[in-house]
Amino acid sequence: MQVRHPPGRAGRLWLEERLQTAARAADLLEQKERVLIREQRRLLVLERATRNAWETAWHESQTWVARVAVLRGRRVISRGARRGTASVDLVWRNEMGAFYPVEAGCRLPDDLPLGEITGTAAMAETVRAHRDALQRAVQLAATNRAVREVDRELRATRRRLRMLQHQWAPALDAALRAVDIELEERERDDVLRSRRARTEEVSR
């Protein structure tokens, strides 16, 4: 990587300032990386727990469907079905550049007296189990999104840090060393010219 900079001592000062800025930026990126790693680990644990809760709720809902089917037949399930709109509420957080949901809730239509409609109290339990499974599914989806967003930001942070540490900072350092060599050579040339001029003046 070539670094374009002002010539001479102004260039040296410019490069020193950029190196200091690069060092501060690397420190900040390392801090950000540590925060995101901690959050990623927390979310992965939460994701496993949320997935387990959803799987348990889903299996329970299927068990109740099977019970209703045995008691009253599968037609009763379709009689108990009703139309309605569910909505999802999310609370978002911005953590070190990663924007992701931290809370998720699902608002469902109000319950109806399905035991009276279908002729079996098991239908009410089936609906309750399905509502719970849907709530758990929404929470799992939100947690999955959070894991993906934190992972994306962590990968981007690591890419920027690698570029800074392995490309930009070394290029600045190499340019600074080249400027130092050039300035030293100029100083030596100036000293030699000054000595030569004094020698010539003395010889006259």
C-alpha atoms as a PDB file:
ATOM      1  CA  MET A   1       0.000   0.000   0.000  1.00  0.00           C
ATOM      2  CA  GLN A   2       1.432   3.355  -1.065  1.00  0.00           C
ATOM      3  CA  VAL A   3       0.866   6.348   1.180  1.00  0.00           C
ATOM      4  CA  ARG A   4       0.790   9.765  -0.452  1.00  0.00           C
ATOM      5  CA  HIS A   5       2.029  12.421   1.942  1.00  0.00           C
ATOM      6  CA  PRO A   6       3.528  15.941   1.919  1.00  0.00           C
ATOM      7  CA  PRO A   7       7.288  16.111   1.340  1.00  0.00           C
ATOM      8  CA  GLY A   8       9.967  16.823   3.914  1.00  0.00           C
ATOM      9  CA  ARG A   9       9.384  17.602   7.573  1.00  0.00           C
ATOM     10  CA  ALA A  10       5.751  18.502   6.952  1.00  0.00           C
ATOM     11  CA  GLY A  11       5.303  14.982   5.590  1.00  0.00           C
ATOM     12  CA  ARG A  12       6.989  13.500   8.646  1.00  0.00           C
ATOM     13  CA  LEU A  13       4.612  15.382  10.953  1.00  0.00           C
ATOM     14  CA  TRP A  14       1.646  14.339   8.807  1.00  0.00           C
ATOM     15  CA  LEU A  15       2.686  10.671   8.983  1.00  0.00           C
ATOM     16  CA  GLU A  16       3.250  10.774  12.745  1.00  0.00           C
ATOM     17  CA  GLU A  17      -0.241  12.191  13.265  1.00  0.00           C
ATOM     18  CA  ARG A  18      -1.763   9.511  11.041  1.00  0.00           C
ATOM     19  CA  LEU A  19       0.099   6.777  12.917  1.00  0.00           C
ATOM     20  CA  GLN A  20      -1.194   8.072  16.243  1.00  0.00           C
ATOM     21  CA  THR A  21      -4.717   8.184  14.828  1.00  0.00           C
ATOM     22  CA  ALA A  22      -4.331   4.623  13.510  1.00  0.00           C
ATOM     23  CA  ALA A  23      -3.168   3.421  16.939  1.00  0.00           C
ATOM     24  CA  ARG A  24      -6.181   5.030  18.649  1.00  0.00           C
ATOM     25  CA  ALA A  25      -8.529   3.575  16.022  1.00  0.00           C
ATOM     26  CA  ALA A  26      -7.036   0.105  16.533  1.00  0.00           C
ATOM     27  CA  ASP A  27      -7.571   0.401  20.309  1.00  0.00           C
ATOM     28  CA  LEU A  28     -11.208   1.384  19.787  1.00  0.00           C
ATOM     29  CA  LEU A  29     -11.784  -1.459  17.333  1.00  0.00           C
ATOM     30  CA  GLU A  30     -10.246  -3.958  19.762  1.00  0.00           C
ATOM     31  CA  GLN A  31     -12.548  -2.683  22.517  1.00  0.00           C
ATOM     32  CA  LYS A  32     -15.508  -2.969  20.162  1.00  0.00           C
ATOM     33  CA  GLU A  33     -14.466  -6.486  19.217  1.00  0.00           C
ATOM     34  CA  ARG A  34     -14.363  -7.539  22.885  1.00  0.00           C
ATOM     35  CA  VAL A  35     -17.822  -6.064  23.575  1.00  0.00           C
ATOM     36  CA  LEU A  36     -19.306  -7.774  20.511  1.00  0.00           C
ATOM     37  CA  ILE A  37     -17.722 -11.119  21.409  1.00  0.00           C
ATOM     38  CA  ARG A  38     -19.307 -10.961  24.868  1.00  0.00           C
ATOM     39  CA  GLU A  39     -22.682 -10.059  23.359  1.00  0.00           C
ATOM     40  CA  GLN A  40     -22.370 -12.799  20.746  1.00  0.00           C
ATOM     41  CA  ARG A  41     -21.725 -15.415  23.445  1.00  0.00           C
ATOM     42  CA  ARG A  42     -24.676 -14.167  25.494  1.00  0.00           C
ATOM     43  CA  LEU A  43     -26.980 -14.280  22.485  1.00  0.00           C
ATOM     44  CA  LEU A  44     -25.869 -17.779  21.487  1.00  0.00           C
ATOM     45  CA  VAL A  45     -26.762 -19.038  24.972  1.00  0.00           C
ATOM     46  CA  LEU A  46     -30.094 -17.210  24.751  1.00  0.00           C
ATOM     47  CA  GLU A  47     -30.717 -18.640  21.290  1.00  0.00           C
ATOM     48  CA  ARG A  48     -30.250 -22.211  22.542  1.00  0.00           C
ATOM     49  CA  ALA A  49     -32.598 -21.609  25.467  1.00  0.00           C
ATOM     50  CA  THR A  50     -35.185 -19.925  23.231  1.00  0.00           C
ATOM     51  CA  ARG A  51     -34.987 -22.750  20.689  1.00  0.00           C
ATOM     52  CA  ASN A  52     -35.477 -25.355  23.418  1.00  0.00           C
ATOM     53  CA  ALA A  53     -38.498 -23.439  24.753  1.00  0.00           C
ATOM     54  CA  TRP A  54     -40.006 -23.200  21.260  1.00  0.00           C
ATOM     55  CA  GLU A  55     -39.463 -26.905  20.534  1.00  0.00           C
ATOM     56  CA  THR A  56     -41.092 -27.839  23.846  1.00  0.00           C
ATOM     57  CA  ALA A  57     -44.076 -25.568  23.144  1.00  0.00           C
ATOM     58  CA  TRP A  58     -44.407 -26.866  19.566  1.00  0.00           C
ATOM     59  CA  HIS A  59     -44.404 -30.509  20.698  1.00  0.00           C
ATOM     60  CA  GLU A  60     -47.037 -29.700  23.329  1.00  0.00           C
ATOM     61  CA  SER A  61     -49.243 -28.038  20.710  1.00  0.00           C
ATOM     62  CA  GLN A  62     -48.980 -31.097  18.466  1.00  0.00           C
ATOM     63  CA  THR A  63     -49.847 -33.359  21.397  1.00  0.00           C
ATOM     64  CA  TRP A  64     -53.048 -31.392  22.020  1.00  0.00           C
ATOM     65  CA  VAL A  65     -53.972 -31.512  18.330  1.00  0.00           C
ATOM     66  CA  ALA A  66     -53.609 -35.288  18.440  1.00  0.00           C
ATOM     67  CA  ARG A  67     -55.793 -35.483  21.560  1.00  0.00           C
ATOM     68  CA  VAL A  68     -58.557 -33.389  19.992  1.00  0.00           C
ATOM     69  CA  ALA A  69     -58.368 -35.507  16.839  1.00  0.00           C
ATOM     70  CA  VAL A  70     -58.803 -38.674  18.890  1.00  0.00           C
ATOM     71  CA  LEU A  71     -61.650 -37.249  21.006  1.00  0.00           C
ATOM     72  CA  ARG A  72     -63.676 -35.434  18.360  1.00  0.00           C
ATOM     73  CA  GLY A  73     -62.022 -36.018  14.978  1.00  0.00           C
ATOM     74  CA  ARG A  74     -59.980 -33.622  12.875  1.00  0.00           C
ATOM     75  CA  ARG A  75     -63.043 -31.793  11.565  1.00  0.00           C
ATOM     76  CA  VAL A  76     -63.603 -30.231  14.946  1.00  0.00           C
ATOM     77  CA  ILE A  77     -60.205 -28.572  14.655  1.00  0.00           C
ATOM     78  CA  SER A  78     -61.243 -26.767  11.474  1.00  0.00           C
ATOM     79  CA  ARG A  79     -64.507 -25.706  13.162  1.00  0.00           C
ATOM     80  CA  GLY A  80     -62.519 -24.166  15.967  1.00  0.00           C
ATOM     81  CA  ALA A  81     -60.260 -22.284  13.575  1.00  0.00           C
ATOM     82  CA  ARG A  82     -60.968 -18.580  13.224  1.00  0.00           C
ATOM     83  CA  ARG A  83     -59.587 -15.700  11.295  1.00  0.00           C
ATOM     84  CA  GLY A  84     -57.666 -12.954  12.971  1.00  0.00           C
ATOM     85  CA  THR A  85     -54.582 -10.849  12.746  1.00  0.00           C
ATOM     86  CA  ALA A  86     -51.471 -11.304  14.833  1.00  0.00           C
ATOM     87  CA  SER A  87     -48.915  -8.531  15.187  1.00  0.00           C
ATOM     88  CA  VAL A  88     -45.335  -8.591  16.381  1.00  0.00           C
ATOM     89  CA  ASP A  89     -43.810  -5.912  18.626  1.00  0.00           C
ATOM     90  CA  LEU A  90     -40.026  -5.550  18.698  1.00  0.00           C
ATOM     91  CA  VAL A  91     -37.697  -3.486  20.863  1.00  0.00           C
ATOM     92  CA  TRP A  92     -34.406  -2.723  19.128  1.00  0.00           C
ATOM     93  CA  ARG A  93     -30.928  -1.951  20.459  1.00  0.00           C
ATOM     94  CA  ASN A  94     -27.842  -0.463  18.867  1.00  0.00           C
ATOM     95  CA  GLU A  95     -24.817  -2.191  20.391  1.00  0.00           C
ATOM     96  CA  MET A  96     -21.495  -0.979  18.977  1.00  0.00           C
ATOM     97  CA  GLY A  97     -22.968  -0.555  15.500  1.00  0.00           C
ATOM     98  CA  ALA A  98     -25.027  -3.770  15.555  1.00  0.00           C
ATOM     99  CA  PHE A  99     -28.768  -2.985  15.369  1.00  0.00           C
ATOM    100  CA  TYR A 100     -30.888  -5.913  16.527  1.00  0.00           C
ATOM    101  CA  PRO A 101     -34.056  -6.821  18.479  1.00  0.00           C
ATOM    102  CA  VAL A 102     -33.712  -7.411  22.221  1.00  0.00           C
ATOM    103  CA  GLU A 103     -37.389  -7.981  23.035  1.00  0.00           C
ATOM    104  CA  ALA A 104     -40.151  -9.548  20.979  1.00  0.00           C
ATOM    105  CA  GLY A 105     -43.822 -10.041  21.677  1.00  0.00           C
ATOM    106  CA  CYS A 106     -46.751 -11.301  19.638  1.00  0.00           C
ATOM    107  CA  ARG A 107     -50.257  -9.837  20.009  1.00  0.00           C
ATOM    108  CA  LEU A 108     -52.924 -12.394  19.111  1.00  0.00           C
ATOM    109  CA  PRO A 109     -56.705 -12.213  18.699  1.00  0.00           C
ATOM    110  CA  ASP A 110     -58.713 -12.671  21.893  1.00  0.00           C
ATOM    111  CA  ASP A 111     -59.644 -16.207  22.881  1.00  0.00           C
ATOM    112  CA  LEU A 112     -63.117 -17.530  22.123  1.00  0.00           C
ATOM    113  CA  PRO A 113     -65.026 -20.162  24.186  1.00  0.00           C
ATOM    114  CA  LEU A 114     -63.832 -22.938  21.870  1.00  0.00           C
ATOM    115  CA  GLY A 115     -64.919 -25.690  24.207  1.00  0.00           C
ATOM    116  CA  GLU A 116     -68.533 -24.646  23.639  1.00  0.00           C
ATOM    117  CA  ILE A 117     -68.018 -24.315  19.867  1.00  0.00           C
ATOM    118  CA  THR A 118     -66.278 -27.641  19.364  1.00  0.00           C
ATOM    119  CA  GLY A 119     -67.819 -29.662  22.151  1.00  0.00           C
ATOM    120  CA  THR A 120     -64.528 -30.452  23.896  1.00  0.00           C
ATOM    121  CA  ALA A 121     -62.492 -28.598  26.503  1.00  0.00           C
ATOM    122  CA  ALA A 122     -59.332 -30.064  24.963  1.00  0.00           C
ATOM    123  CA  MET A 123     -59.750 -27.607  22.097  1.00  0.00           C
ATOM    124  CA  ALA A 124     -59.178 -24.674  24.448  1.00  0.00           C
ATOM    125  CA  GLU A 125     -55.941 -26.295  25.623  1.00  0.00           C
ATOM    126  CA  THR A 126     -54.939 -26.852  21.992  1.00  0.00           C
ATOM    127  CA  VAL A 127     -55.413 -23.173  21.221  1.00  0.00           C
ATOM    128  CA  ARG A 128     -53.516 -22.167  24.358  1.00  0.00           C
ATOM    129  CA  ALA A 129     -50.607 -24.430  23.396  1.00  0.00           C
ATOM    130  CA  HIS A 130     -50.535 -23.062  19.838  1.00  0.00           C
ATOM    131  CA  ARG A 131     -50.615 -19.473  21.050  1.00  0.00           C
ATOM    132  CA  ASP A 132     -47.693 -20.216  23.356  1.00  0.00           C
ATOM    133  CA  ALA A 133     -45.796 -21.931  20.545  1.00  0.00           C
ATOM    134  CA  LEU A 134     -46.323 -18.909  18.293  1.00  0.00           C
ATOM    135  CA  GLN A 135     -45.060 -16.544  20.991  1.00  0.00           C
ATOM    136  CA  ARG A 136     -41.979 -18.733  21.407  1.00  0.00           C
ATOM    137  CA  ALA A 137     -41.439 -18.817  17.647  1.00  0.00           C
ATOM    138  CA  VAL A 138     -41.476 -15.008  17.479  1.00  0.00           C
ATOM    139  CA  GLN A 139     -38.947 -14.819  20.311  1.00  0.00           C
ATOM    140  CA  LEU A 140     -36.730 -17.361  18.563  1.00  0.00           C
ATOM    141  CA  ALA A 141     -36.898 -15.456  15.277  1.00  0.00           C
ATOM    142  CA  ALA A 142     -35.904 -12.235  17.043  1.00  0.00           C
ATOM    143  CA  THR A 143     -33.012 -13.958  18.803  1.00  0.00           C
ATOM    144  CA  ASN A 144     -31.843 -15.482  15.511  1.00  0.00           C
ATOM    145  CA  ARG A 145     -31.880 -12.007  13.953  1.00  0.00           C
ATOM    146  CA  ALA A 146     -29.874 -10.622  16.879  1.00  0.00           C
ATOM    147  CA  VAL A 147     -27.242 -13.360  16.526  1.00  0.00           C
ATOM    148  CA  ARG A 148     -26.910 -12.694  12.784  1.00  0.00           C
ATOM    149  CA  GLU A 149     -26.600  -8.913  13.209  1.00  0.00           C
ATOM    150  CA  VAL A 150     -23.995  -9.129  15.976  1.00  0.00           C
ATOM    151  CA  ASP A 151     -22.051 -11.722  13.985  1.00  0.00           C
ATOM    152  CA  ARG A 152     -22.148  -9.474  10.894  1.00  0.00           C
ATOM    153  CA  GLU A 153     -20.877  -6.457  12.833  1.00  0.00           C
ATOM    154  CA  LEU A 154     -18.185  -8.537  14.536  1.00  0.00           C
ATOM    155  CA  ARG A 155     -16.898  -9.816  11.185  1.00  0.00           C
ATOM    156  CA  ALA A 156     -16.875  -6.269   9.768  1.00  0.00           C
ATOM    157  CA  THR A 157     -15.008  -5.006  12.847  1.00  0.00           C
ATOM    158  CA  ARG A 158     -12.382  -7.717  12.494  1.00  0.00           C
ATOM    159  CA  ARG A 159     -11.923  -6.912   8.806  1.00  0.00           C
ATOM    160  CA  ARG A 160     -11.387  -3.220   9.592  1.00  0.00           C
ATOM    161  CA  LEU A 161      -8.987  -4.066  12.410  1.00  0.00           C
ATOM    162  CA  ARG A 162      -6.950  -6.413  10.206  1.00  0.00           C
ATOM    163  CA  MET A 163      -6.755  -3.819   7.447  1.00  0.00           C
ATOM    164  CA  LEU A 164      -5.649  -1.182   9.937  1.00  0.00           C
ATOM    165  CA  GLN A 165      -3.063  -3.361  11.675  1.00  0.00           C
ATOM    166  CA  HIS A 166      -1.685  -5.252   8.680  1.00  0.00           C
ATOM    167  CA  GLN A 167      -1.979  -2.739   5.843  1.00  0.00           C
ATOM    168  CA  TRP A 168      -2.572   0.889   6.781  1.00  0.00           C
ATOM    169  CA  ALA A 169      -0.372   1.151   9.901  1.00  0.00           C
ATOM    170  CA  PRO A 170       2.595  -0.733   8.352  1.00  0.00           C
ATOM    171  CA  ALA A 171       2.343   1.445   5.228  1.00  0.00           C
ATOM    172  CA  LEU A 172       2.404   4.605   7.335  1.00  0.00           C
ATOM    173  CA  ASP A 173       5.341   3.295   9.346  1.00  0.00           C
ATOM    174  CA  ALA A 174       7.280   2.389   6.192  1.00  0.00           C
ATOM    175  CA  ALA A 175       6.592   5.818   4.704  1.00  0.00           C
ATOM    176  CA  LEU A 176       7.752   7.483   7.921  1.00  0.00           C
ATOM    177  CA  ARG A 177      11.005   5.503   7.904  1.00  0.00           C
ATOM    178  CA  ALA A 178      11.572   6.456   4.263  1.00  0.00           C
ATOM    179  CA  VAL A 179      11.045  10.132   5.101  1.00  0.00           C
ATOM    180  CA  ASP A 180      13.478   9.847   8.027  1.00  0.00           C
ATOM    181  CA  ILE A 181      16.137   8.349   5.739  1.00  0.00           C
ATOM    182  CA  GLU A 182      15.554  11.086   3.185  1.00  0.00           C
ATOM    183  CA  LEU A 183      15.842  13.814   5.842  1.00  0.00           C
ATOM    184  CA  GLU A 184      19.024  12.295   7.252  1.00  0.00           C
ATOM    185  CA  GLU A 185      20.565  12.186   3.772  1.00  0.00           C
ATOM    186  CA  ARG A 186      19.617  15.824   3.236  1.00  0.00           C
ATOM    187  CA  GLU A 187      21.183  16.799   6.544  1.00  0.00           C
ATOM    188  CA  ARG A 188      24.407  14.956   5.672  1.00  0.00           C
ATOM    189  CA  ASP A 189      24.476  16.649   2.259  1.00  0.00           C
ATOM    190  CA  ASP A 190      23.921  20.026   3.905  1.00  0.00           C
ATOM    191  CA  VAL A 191      26.758  19.376   6.368  1.00  0.00           C
ATOM    192  CA  LEU A 192      29.098  18.305   3.575  1.00  0.00           C
ATOM    193  CA  ARG A 193      28.239  21.345   1.483  1.00  0.00           C
ATOM    194  CA  SER A 194      28.735  23.599   4.488  1.00  0.00           C
ATOM    195  CA  ARG A 195      32.147  22.066   5.231  1.00  0.00           C
ATOM    196  CA  ARG A 196      33.150  22.326   1.597  1.00  0.00           C
ATOM    197  CA  ALA A 197      32.121  25.967   1.491  1.00  0.00           C
ATOM    198  CA  ARG A 198      34.128  26.730   4.650  1.00  0.00           C
ATOM    199  CA  THR A 199      37.168  24.902   3.285  1.00  0.00           C
ATOM    200  CA  GLU A 200      37.019  26.848   0.051  1.00  0.00           C
ATOM    201  CA  GLU A 201      36.626  30.083   1.944  1.00  0.00           C
ATOM    202  CA  VAL A 202      39.659  29.294   4.127  1.00  0.00           C
ATOM    203  CA  SER A 203      41.782  28.309   1.121  1.00  0.00           C
ATOM    204  CA  ARG A 204      41.169  31.684  -0.464  1.00  0.00           C
END
